[in-house]
C-alpha atoms as a PDB file:
ATOM      1  CA  MET A   1      -1.477   3.815  12.698  1.00  0.00           C
ATOM      2  CA  VAL A   2      -2.045   2.134   9.450  1.00  0.00           C
ATOM      3  CA  ILE A   3      -4.295  -0.746   8.911  1.00  0.00           C
ATOM      4  CA  ILE A   4      -3.796  -3.319   5.951  1.00  0.00           C
ATOM      5  CA  ASP A   5      -6.959  -5.409   5.292  1.00  0.00           C
ATOM      6  CA  LEU A   6      -6.456  -8.636   3.252  1.00  0.00           C
ATOM      7  CA  ASP A   7      -9.975  -9.854   2.095  1.00  0.00           C
ATOM      8  CA  ASP A   8     -11.037 -13.312   0.767  1.00  0.00           C
ATOM      9  CA  LYS A   9     -14.762 -13.885   0.841  1.00  0.00           C
ATOM     10  CA  PRO A  10     -16.640 -16.989  -0.320  1.00  0.00           C
ATOM     11  CA  ASP A  11     -18.727 -14.952  -2.457  1.00  0.00           C
ATOM     12  CA  ASN A  12     -15.912 -12.839  -3.701  1.00  0.00           C
ATOM     13  CA  PRO A  13     -12.712 -14.793  -3.378  1.00  0.00           C
ATOM     14  CA  ALA A  14      -9.153 -13.419  -4.004  1.00  0.00           C
ATOM     15  CA  SER A  15      -7.289 -14.686  -7.027  1.00  0.00           C
ATOM     16  CA  ALA A  16      -4.354 -17.225  -6.617  1.00  0.00           C
ATOM     17  CA  GLN A  17      -1.980 -14.403  -7.466  1.00  0.00           C
ATOM     18  CA  GLU A  18      -3.571 -12.056  -4.818  1.00  0.00           C
ATOM     19  CA  LEU A  19      -3.162 -15.034  -2.089  1.00  0.00           C
ATOM     20  CA  GLN A  20       0.427 -15.394  -3.011  1.00  0.00           C
ATOM     21  CA  PHE A  21       0.960 -11.547  -2.521  1.00  0.00           C
ATOM     22  CA  PHE A  22      -0.929 -11.792   0.907  1.00  0.00           C
ATOM     23  CA  THR A  23       1.586 -14.378   1.873  1.00  0.00           C
ATOM     24  CA  GLU A  24       4.408 -12.105   1.018  1.00  0.00           C
ATOM     25  CA  ILE A  25       2.708  -9.161   2.831  1.00  0.00           C
ATOM     26  CA  ILE A  26       2.210 -10.950   6.136  1.00  0.00           C
ATOM     27  CA  ALA A  27       5.719 -12.167   6.199  1.00  0.00           C
ATOM     28  CA  ASN A  28       7.087  -8.629   5.586  1.00  0.00           C
ATOM     29  CA  PHE A  29       5.008  -7.056   8.526  1.00  0.00           C
ATOM     30  CA  ALA A  30       6.235  -8.126  11.804  1.00  0.00           C
ATOM     31  CA  THR A  31       3.377  -6.413  13.889  1.00  0.00           C
ATOM     32  CA  TYR A  32       0.065  -7.376  15.352  1.00  0.00           C
ATOM     33  CA  THR A  33      -2.047  -9.370  12.776  1.00  0.00           C
ATOM     34  CA  GLU A  34      -5.516 -10.842  13.535  1.00  0.00           C
ATOM     35  CA  LEU A  35      -8.294 -12.733  11.982  1.00  0.00           C
ATOM     36  CA  SER A  36     -11.150 -10.766  10.266  1.00  0.00           C
ATOM     37  CA  VAL A  37     -14.665 -11.080  11.414  1.00  0.00           C
ATOM     38  CA  GLY A  38     -15.585 -13.342   8.604  1.00  0.00           C
ATOM     39  CA  GLY A  39     -12.793 -15.633   9.248  1.00  0.00           C
ATOM     40  CA  ARG A  40     -11.377 -15.495   5.663  1.00  0.00           C
ATOM     41  CA  GLY A  41      -9.066 -12.546   5.739  1.00  0.00           C
ATOM     42  CA  CYS A  42      -6.958 -10.717   8.137  1.00  0.00           C
ATOM     43  CA  HIS A  43      -5.992  -7.257   9.537  1.00  0.00           C
ATOM     44  CA  ILE A  44      -2.402  -6.053   9.837  1.00  0.00           C
ATOM     45  CA  VAL A  45      -2.016  -3.228  12.303  1.00  0.00           C
ATOM     46  CA  CYS A  46       1.222  -1.428  12.331  1.00  0.00           C
ATOM     47  CA  GLY A  47       2.728   1.997  13.006  1.00  0.00           C
ATOM     48  CA  GLY A  48       3.455   4.250   9.983  1.00  0.00           C
ATOM     49  CA  VAL A  49       2.226   7.067   7.860  1.00  0.00           C
ATOM     50  CA  LEU A  50       0.734   7.053   4.349  1.00  0.00           C
ATOM     51  CA  PRO A  51       2.105   9.700   1.822  1.00  0.00           C
ATOM     52  CA  ALA A  52       1.040  13.310   2.379  1.00  0.00           C
ATOM     53  CA  GLY A  53      -2.770  13.717   1.465  1.00  0.00           C
ATOM     54  CA  GLY A  54      -3.249  10.053   1.084  1.00  0.00           C
ATOM     55  CA  LYS A  55      -6.221   8.659   3.013  1.00  0.00           C
ATOM     56  CA  GLY A  56      -5.644   5.083   1.682  1.00  0.00           C
ATOM     57  CA  ARG A  57      -5.126   2.658  -1.101  1.00  0.00           C
ATOM     58  CA  ARG A  58      -7.381   0.019  -2.527  1.00  0.00           C
ATOM     59  CA  GLN A  59      -6.574  -2.587  -5.228  1.00  0.00           C
ATOM     60  CA  GLY A  60      -8.497  -5.789  -5.699  1.00  0.00           C
ATOM     61  CA  HIS A  61      -8.907  -7.426  -2.209  1.00  0.00           C
ATOM     62  CA  LEU A  62      -6.283  -5.441  -0.493  1.00  0.00           C
ATOM     63  CA  GLU A  63      -6.839  -2.148   1.383  1.00  0.00           C
ATOM     64  CA  ILE A  64      -4.604   0.181   3.231  1.00  0.00           C
ATOM     65  CA  TYR A  65      -6.025   2.909   5.318  1.00  0.00           C
ATOM     66  CA  ALA A  66      -4.913   5.358   8.104  1.00  0.00           C
ATOM     67  CA  ALA A  67      -7.984   7.520   8.239  1.00  0.00           C
ATOM     68  CA  GLU A  68     -11.921   7.574   7.754  1.00  0.00           C
ATOM     69  CA  ARG A  69     -12.260   3.973   8.213  1.00  0.00           C
ATOM     70  CA  TYR A  70     -14.343   1.761  10.441  1.00  0.00           C
ATOM     71  CA  LEU A  71     -12.884  -1.574  11.537  1.00  0.00           C
ATOM     72  CA  ALA A  72     -14.336  -4.298  13.646  1.00  0.00           C
ATOM     73  CA  PHE A  73     -11.359  -5.893  15.696  1.00  0.00           C
ATOM     74  CA  THR A  74     -11.711  -9.429  16.626  1.00  0.00           C
ATOM     75  CA  GLY A  75      -8.508  -9.998  18.829  1.00  0.00           C
ATOM     76  CA  ASN A  76      -8.293 -13.408  17.265  1.00  0.00           C
ATOM     77  CA  THR A  77      -4.636 -14.024  16.346  1.00  0.00           C
ATOM     78  CA  ASP A  78      -5.048 -17.564  15.293  1.00  0.00           C
ATOM     79  CA  LEU A  79      -4.367 -17.481  11.514  1.00  0.00           C
ATOM     80  CA  SER A  80      -3.676 -21.102  11.089  1.00  0.00           C
ATOM     81  CA  GLY A  81      -6.951 -21.568   9.067  1.00  0.00           C
ATOM     82  CA  LEU A  82      -6.005 -18.961   6.356  1.00  0.00           C
ATOM     83  CA  SER A  83      -4.520 -20.675   3.091  1.00  0.00           C
ATOM     84  CA  PHE A  84      -2.148 -17.794   2.598  1.00  0.00           C
ATOM     85  CA  VAL A  85      -0.375 -17.905   5.971  1.00  0.00           C
ATOM     86  CA  GLN A  86       2.692 -19.856   6.431  1.00  0.00           C
ATOM     87  CA  PRO A  87       2.393 -22.479   9.274  1.00  0.00           C
ATOM     88  CA  ALA A  88       5.688 -21.162  11.118  1.00  0.00           C
ATOM     89  CA  LEU A  89       4.271 -17.499  11.265  1.00  0.00           C
ATOM     90  CA  GLN A  90       4.970 -16.062  14.711  1.00  0.00           C
ATOM     91  CA  THR A  91       2.074 -14.706  16.650  1.00  0.00           C
ATOM     92  CA  ILE A  92       2.979 -10.755  17.353  1.00  0.00           C
ATOM     93  CA  TRP A  93       0.807  -8.952  19.948  1.00  0.00           C
ATOM     94  CA  GLN A  94       2.602  -5.566  19.870  1.00  0.00           C
ATOM     95  CA  ILE A  95       1.763  -2.946  17.222  1.00  0.00           C
ATOM     96  CA  THR A  96       5.252  -2.096  15.728  1.00  0.00           C
ATOM     97  CA  ASN A  97       6.375   0.537  13.314  1.00  0.00           C
ATOM     98  CA  CYS A  98       6.679  -1.024   9.792  1.00  0.00           C
ATOM     99  CA  GLN A  99       7.298   2.167   7.800  1.00  0.00           C
ATOM    100  CA  GLY A 100       9.949   0.576   5.572  1.00  0.00           C
ATOM    101  CA  ALA A 101       7.624  -2.418   4.726  1.00  0.00           C
ATOM    102  CA  LEU A 102       4.773  -0.053   4.188  1.00  0.00           C
ATOM    103  CA  ASN A 103       6.802   1.974   1.752  1.00  0.00           C
ATOM    104  CA  GLN A 104       7.610  -1.137  -0.117  1.00  0.00           C
ATOM    105  CA  LEU A 105       4.077  -2.155  -0.185  1.00  0.00           C
ATOM    106  CA  LEU A 106       2.819   1.168  -1.438  1.00  0.00           C
ATOM    107  CA  ALA A 107       5.444   1.107  -4.149  1.00  0.00           C
ATOM    108  CA  ARG A 108       4.015  -2.171  -5.433  1.00  0.00           C
ATOM    109  CA  PHE A 109       0.663  -0.363  -5.994  1.00  0.00           C
ATOM    110  CA  GLY A 110       2.278   1.932  -8.443  1.00  0.00           C
ATOM    111  CA  SER A 111      -0.357   4.012 -10.476  1.00  0.00           C
ATOM    112  CA  THR A 112      -3.026   1.273 -10.042  1.00  0.00           C
ATOM    113  CA  GLY A 113      -3.821   1.916  -6.538  1.00  0.00           C
ATOM    114  CA  HIS A 114      -7.159   3.540  -5.667  1.00  0.00           C
ATOM    115  CA  SER A 115      -6.764   6.394  -3.080  1.00  0.00           C
ATOM    116  CA  GLY A 116      -9.394   7.710  -0.808  1.00  0.00           C
ATOM    117  CA  ASP A 117     -10.566  10.170  -3.514  1.00  0.00           C
ATOM    118  CA  LEU A 118     -13.844   9.086  -4.767  1.00  0.00           C
ATOM    119  CA  SER A 119     -13.787  11.437  -7.797  1.00  0.00           C
ATOM    120  CA  SER A 120     -12.701   8.517  -9.990  1.00  0.00           C
ATOM    121  CA  LEU A 121     -16.353   7.283 -10.199  1.00  0.00           C
ATOM    122  CA  ILE A 122     -17.482   7.800 -13.625  1.00  0.00           C
ATOM    123  CA  GLU A 123     -21.180   8.953 -13.888  1.00  0.00           C
ATOM    124  CA  LEU A 124     -23.200   7.529 -16.595  1.00  0.00           C
ATOM    125  CA  PRO A 125     -26.845   8.040 -17.358  1.00  0.00           C
ATOM    126  CA  ALA A 126     -29.402   5.335 -16.690  1.00  0.00           C
ATOM    127  CA  THR A 127     -30.318   3.149 -19.694  1.00  0.00           C
ATOM    128  CA  LYS A 128     -33.702   1.847 -18.029  1.00  0.00           C
ATOM    129  CA  PRO A 129     -36.034   2.968 -15.393  1.00  0.00           C
ATOM    130  CA  ASP A 130     -35.764   1.911 -11.818  1.00  0.00           C
ATOM    131  CA  GLY A 131     -38.820  -0.335 -12.268  1.00  0.00           C
ATOM    132  CA  LEU A 132     -37.082  -2.484 -14.890  1.00  0.00           C
ATOM    133  CA  VAL A 133     -33.909  -2.640 -12.712  1.00  0.00           C
ATOM    134  CA  TRP A 134     -36.094  -3.962  -9.753  1.00  0.00           C
ATOM    135  CA  GLU A 135     -37.967  -6.383 -12.091  1.00  0.00           C
ATOM    136  CA  ALA A 136     -34.526  -7.811 -12.963  1.00  0.00           C
ATOM    137  CA  LEU A 137     -33.389  -8.089  -9.432  1.00  0.00           C
ATOM    138  CA  ARG A 138     -36.719 -10.041  -8.568  1.00  0.00           C
ATOM    139  CA  LYS A 139     -35.817 -12.473 -11.384  1.00  0.00           C
ATOM    140  CA  HIS A 140     -32.264 -12.877 -10.123  1.00  0.00           C
ATOM    141  CA  GLN A 141     -31.415 -16.474  -8.982  1.00  0.00           C
ATOM    142  CA  LYS A 142     -30.589 -15.110  -5.564  1.00  0.00           C
ATOM    143  CA  HIS A 143     -33.842 -12.940  -5.379  1.00  0.00           C
ATOM    144  CA  LEU A 144     -34.638 -14.179  -1.873  1.00  0.00           C
ATOM    145  CA  TRP A 145     -31.182 -13.170  -0.669  1.00  0.00           C
ATOM    146  CA  ILE A 146     -31.624  -9.778  -2.266  1.00  0.00           C
ATOM    147  CA  ILE A 147     -35.078  -9.070  -0.720  1.00  0.00           C
ATOM    148  CA  ALA A 148     -33.703 -10.092   2.703  1.00  0.00           C
ATOM    149  CA  LEU A 149     -31.097  -7.340   2.303  1.00  0.00           C
ATOM    150  CA  CYS A 150     -33.536  -4.936   0.794  1.00  0.00           C
ATOM    151  CA  GLU A 151     -35.669  -5.456   4.077  1.00  0.00           C
ATOM    152  CA  GLY A 152     -32.617  -5.076   6.285  1.00  0.00           C
ATOM    153  CA  ARG A 153     -32.586  -8.811   7.381  1.00  0.00           C
ATOM    154  CA  TRP A 154     -28.852  -8.826   6.725  1.00  0.00           C
ATOM    155  CA  LYS A 155     -28.123 -11.267   9.669  1.00  0.00           C
ATOM    156  CA  GLU A 156     -30.093 -13.919   7.951  1.00  0.00           C
ATOM    157  CA  THR A 157     -28.065 -13.790   4.907  1.00  0.00           C
ATOM    158  CA  GLY A 158     -24.756 -14.554   6.957  1.00  0.00           C
ATOM    159  CA  TYR A 159     -23.008 -11.269   6.579  1.00  0.00           C
ATOM    160  CA  PRO A 160     -21.096 -10.370   9.761  1.00  0.00           C
ATOM    161  CA  SER A 161     -21.943  -6.596   9.588  1.00  0.00           C
ATOM    162  CA  ALA A 162     -24.289  -4.190   8.135  1.00  0.00           C
ATOM    163  CA  SER A 163     -21.613  -2.476   5.992  1.00  0.00           C
ATOM    164  CA  GLU A 164     -20.770  -5.948   4.279  1.00  0.00           C
ATOM    165  CA  ALA A 165     -24.345  -6.286   3.638  1.00  0.00           C
ATOM    166  CA  ASP A 166     -24.320  -2.712   2.235  1.00  0.00           C
ATOM    167  CA  LEU A 167     -21.674  -3.707  -0.182  1.00  0.00           C
ATOM    168  CA  ALA A 168     -23.572  -6.993  -1.352  1.00  0.00           C
ATOM    169  CA  LEU A 169     -26.841  -5.140  -2.030  1.00  0.00           C
ATOM    170  CA  LEU A 170     -25.065  -2.303  -3.780  1.00  0.00           C
ATOM    171  CA  SER A 171     -23.245  -4.856  -5.903  1.00  0.00           C
ATOM    172  CA  TYR A 172     -26.414  -6.604  -6.912  1.00  0.00           C
ATOM    173  CA  ILE A 173     -27.976  -3.220  -8.036  1.00  0.00           C
ATOM    174  CA  ALA A 174     -24.738  -1.931  -9.634  1.00  0.00           C
ATOM    175  CA  ASN A 175     -24.430  -5.182 -11.594  1.00  0.00           C
ATOM    176  CA  SER A 176     -27.789  -4.222 -13.347  1.00  0.00           C
ATOM    177  CA  SER A 177     -27.064  -0.559 -13.843  1.00  0.00           C
ATOM    178  CA  MET A 178     -24.072   1.374 -14.834  1.00  0.00           C
ATOM    179  CA  SER A 179     -25.692   4.575 -13.512  1.00  0.00           C
ATOM    180  CA  ASN A 180     -24.151   5.467 -10.045  1.00  0.00           C
ATOM    181  CA  GLU A 181     -26.996   7.919  -9.456  1.00  0.00           C
ATOM    182  CA  GLN A 182     -29.537   5.353 -10.170  1.00  0.00           C
ATOM    183  CA  VAL A 183     -27.780   2.852  -7.831  1.00  0.00           C
ATOM    184  CA  ARG A 184     -27.629   5.403  -5.006  1.00  0.00           C
ATOM    185  CA  ARG A 185     -31.286   6.233  -5.578  1.00  0.00           C
ATOM    186  CA  MET A 186     -32.576   2.571  -5.472  1.00  0.00           C
ATOM    187  CA  PHE A 187     -30.308   1.645  -2.573  1.00  0.00           C
ATOM    188  CA  ARG A 188     -31.681   4.489  -0.592  1.00  0.00           C
ATOM    189  CA  GLN A 189     -35.267   2.954  -1.158  1.00  0.00           C
ATOM    190  CA  THR A 190     -34.251  -0.091   0.876  1.00  0.00           C
ATOM    191  CA  VAL A 191     -33.945  -0.512   4.757  1.00  0.00           C
ATOM    192  CA  LEU A 192     -30.232  -0.773   4.530  1.00  0.00           C
ATOM    193  CA  GLY A 193     -30.118   2.595   2.538  1.00  0.00           C
ATOM    194  CA  GLN A 194     -32.345   4.430   4.824  1.00  0.00           C
ATOM    195  CA  ARG A 195     -29.768   4.372   7.710  1.00  0.00           C
ATOM    196  CA  GLN A 196     -28.638   7.866   8.729  1.00  0.00           C
ATOM    197  CA  LYS A 197     -25.040   7.446   7.412  1.00  0.00           C
ATOM    198  CA  HIS A 198     -26.479   6.835   3.863  1.00  0.00           C
ATOM    199  CA  VAL A 199     -29.337   9.430   4.058  1.00  0.00           C
ATOM    200  CA  LYS A 200     -26.984  12.315   5.027  1.00  0.00           C
ATOM    201  CA  GLY A 201     -24.592  11.978   2.059  1.00  0.00           C
ATOM    202  CA  ASN A 202     -23.002   9.730  -0.621  1.00  0.00           C
ATOM    203  CA  TYR A 203     -19.513   9.252   1.031  1.00  0.00           C
ATOM    204  CA  HIS A 204     -20.243   5.479   2.178  1.00  0.00           C
ATOM    205  CA  ILE A 205     -22.292   4.616  -0.853  1.00  0.00           C
ATOM    206  CA  ASP A 206     -19.591   5.906  -3.228  1.00  0.00           C
ATOM    207  CA  ARG A 207     -16.784   4.138  -1.396  1.00  0.00           C
ATOM    208  CA  ALA A 208     -18.669   0.817  -1.916  1.00  0.00           C
ATOM    209  CA  LEU A 209     -19.396   1.579  -5.488  1.00  0.00           C
ATOM    210  CA  GLN A 210     -15.718   2.474  -6.051  1.00  0.00           C
ATOM    211  CA  ILE A 211     -14.894  -1.165  -4.972  1.00  0.00           C
ATOM    212  CA  ILE A 212     -17.562  -2.477  -7.033  1.00  0.00           C
ATOM    213  CA  ARG A 213     -16.816  -0.603 -10.352  1.00  0.00           C
ATOM    214  CA  GLY A 214     -13.231  -1.657  -9.853  1.00  0.00           C
ATOM    215  CA  ARG A 215     -14.114  -5.163  -9.480  1.00  0.00           C
ATOM    216  CA  GLN A 216     -16.217  -4.886 -12.861  1.00  0.00           C
ATOM    217  CA  ALA A 217     -13.313  -3.142 -14.680  1.00  0.00           C
ATOM    218  CA  ALA A 218     -10.910  -5.928 -13.371  1.00  0.00           C
ATOM    219  CA  GLY A 219     -13.215  -8.558 -14.623  1.00  0.00           C
ATOM    220  CA  ALA A 220     -13.642  -7.012 -18.033  1.00  0.00           C
ATOM    221  CA  ALA A 221      -9.812  -6.713 -18.333  1.00  0.00           C
ATOM    222  CA  ALA A 222      -9.372 -10.326 -17.511  1.00  0.00           C
ATOM    223  CA  LEU A 223     -11.957 -11.174 -20.355  1.00  0.00           C
ATOM    224  CA  ALA A 224     -10.137  -9.161 -22.859  1.00  0.00           C
ATOM    225  CA  GLY A 225      -9.092 -11.017 -25.938  1.00  0.00           C
ATOM    226  CA  THR A 226     -11.038 -14.258 -24.912  1.00  0.00           C
ATOM    227  CA  PRO A 227     -13.794 -15.707 -27.103  1.00  0.00           C
ATOM    228  CA  LEU A 228     -16.466 -14.632 -24.404  1.00  0.00           C
ATOM    229  CA  ALA A 229     -15.288 -11.117 -24.750  1.00  0.00           C
ATOM    230  CA  ALA A 230     -15.434 -11.032 -28.484  1.00  0.00           C
ATOM    231  CA  ALA A 231     -18.979 -12.671 -28.177  1.00  0.00           C
ATOM    232  CA  ALA A 232     -19.970  -9.901 -25.852  1.00  0.00           C
ATOM    233  CA  ALA A 233     -18.595  -7.230 -28.047  1.00  0.00           C
ATOM    234  CA  SER A 234     -20.436  -8.514 -30.943  1.00  0.00           C
ATOM    235  CA  PHE A 235     -23.548  -8.731 -29.001  1.00  0.00           C
ATOM    236  CA  VAL A 236     -23.165  -5.031 -27.667  1.00  0.00           C
ATOM    237  CA  ALA A 237     -22.361  -3.977 -31.201  1.00  0.00           C
ATOM    238  CA  GLU A 238     -25.467  -5.662 -32.737  1.00  0.00           C
ATOM    239  CA  HIS A 239     -27.595  -4.202 -29.820  1.00  0.00           C
ATOM    240  CA  GLN A 240     -26.284  -0.649 -30.497  1.00  0.00           C
ATOM    241  CA  ALA A 241     -27.013  -1.004 -34.234  1.00  0.00           C
ATOM    242  CA  LYS A 242     -30.579  -2.082 -33.531  1.00  0.00           C
ATOM    243  CA  GLU A 243     -31.091   0.983 -31.130  1.00  0.00           C
ATOM    244  CA  LYS A 244     -29.743   3.274 -33.847  1.00  0.00           C
ATOM    245  CA  ALA A 245     -32.148   1.641 -36.471  1.00  0.00           C
ATOM    246  CA  LYS A 246     -35.005   2.250 -34.157  1.00  0.00           C
ATOM    247  CA  GLU A 247     -34.022   5.807 -33.467  1.00  0.00           C
ATOM    248  CA  LYS A 248     -33.679   6.313 -37.402  1.00  0.00           C
ATOM    249  CA  THR A 249     -37.170   4.872 -37.790  1.00  0.00           C
ATOM    250  CA  LYS A 250     -38.719   6.959 -35.262  1.00  0.00           C
ATOM    251  CA  ALA A 251     -37.104  10.043 -36.710  1.00  0.00           C
ATOM    252  CA  ALA A 252     -38.457   9.186 -40.089  1.00  0.00           C
ATOM    253  CA  GLU A 253     -41.876   8.584 -38.802  1.00  0.00           C
ATOM    254  CA  LYS A 254     -41.899  11.830 -36.872  1.00  0.00           C
ATOM    255  CA  ALA A 255     -40.700  13.638 -40.093  1.00  0.00           C
ATOM    256  CA  TYR A 256     -43.243  12.072 -42.201  1.00  0.00           C
ATOM    257  CA  ILE A 257     -46.119  12.973 -39.863  1.00  0.00           C
ATOM    258  CA  ALA A 258     -44.755  16.599 -39.597  1.00  0.00           C
ATOM    259  CA  GLU A 259     -44.645  16.715 -43.512  1.00  0.00           C
ATOM    260  CA  GLN A 260     -48.218  15.520 -43.799  1.00  0.00           C
ATOM    261  CA  ALA A 261     -49.625  17.721 -41.109  1.00  0.00           C
ATOM    262  CA  ALA A 262     -47.929  20.741 -43.112  1.00  0.00           C
ATOM    263  CA  ARG A 263     -50.010  19.730 -46.172  1.00  0.00           C
ATOM    264  CA  LEU A 264     -53.431  20.008 -44.146  1.00  0.00           C
ATOM    265  CA  PRO A 265     -55.454  23.149 -44.629  1.00  0.00           C
ATOM    266  CA  PRO A 266     -55.772  25.511 -41.640  1.00  0.00           C
ATOM    267  CA  LEU A 267     -58.305  24.513 -39.376  1.00  0.00           C
ATOM    268  CA  HIS A 268     -60.482  27.550 -40.119  1.00  0.00           C
ATOM    269  CA  ASN A 269     -60.596  26.667 -43.631  1.00  0.00           C
ATOM    270  CA  LEU A 270     -62.342  23.287 -42.624  1.00  0.00           C
ATOM    271  CA  LYS A 271     -65.465  25.004 -41.192  1.00  0.00           C
END
């Protein structure tokens, strides 16, 4: 059995191009399809298999999985409220084999699809201590929201599940730090991060990080060539130049101190 998850959340909406693609996908899969828990996306459930060794694919707001995935079924087949669903779509209660349509969909992914392999995460060193990252989050415009998530009060924030709350909190932290190890460490300092599935290993956290880093990369690619991107690049270059200048100054000061210390007479001659 294969599950196709089409996602469109208010705080992370799918693009117009993705929504158009969703319309094509739903039309091609004559099988059981239901509304997601959040009411903005849907789950397509069909018979079929993924390529050998493939646990799944993820690209933007589209996910395809056949193993190692938890999903909350709703049983709600009323998709009339979804903007990307054609009004004449027929409700199908049976789970049918859609291997042909599945093969076509997988072919559309090409080399840009992300498999279940989490080794694609790039590990970078932290550029600032945890305390400064927490301070930045406390100053965030949604700091009350973030505090509620950190304290495990995710139901108050409107998320339908703890897993979606995990992704939201990890997103806030990851947007303030490019170090995955720092994000993992800080997340585990929260109530959400202290749940057993996160304490025993990195698998679930890294799956969320792969989604987050993918979105960040997609956002950067979308900005490429725009005035905002040029301004950002200029700012980064200026910041890097200042940091190099500081390092050079510190090195010069250290060399000067060492030189002056070498000129001092030995301590026993000062007696």
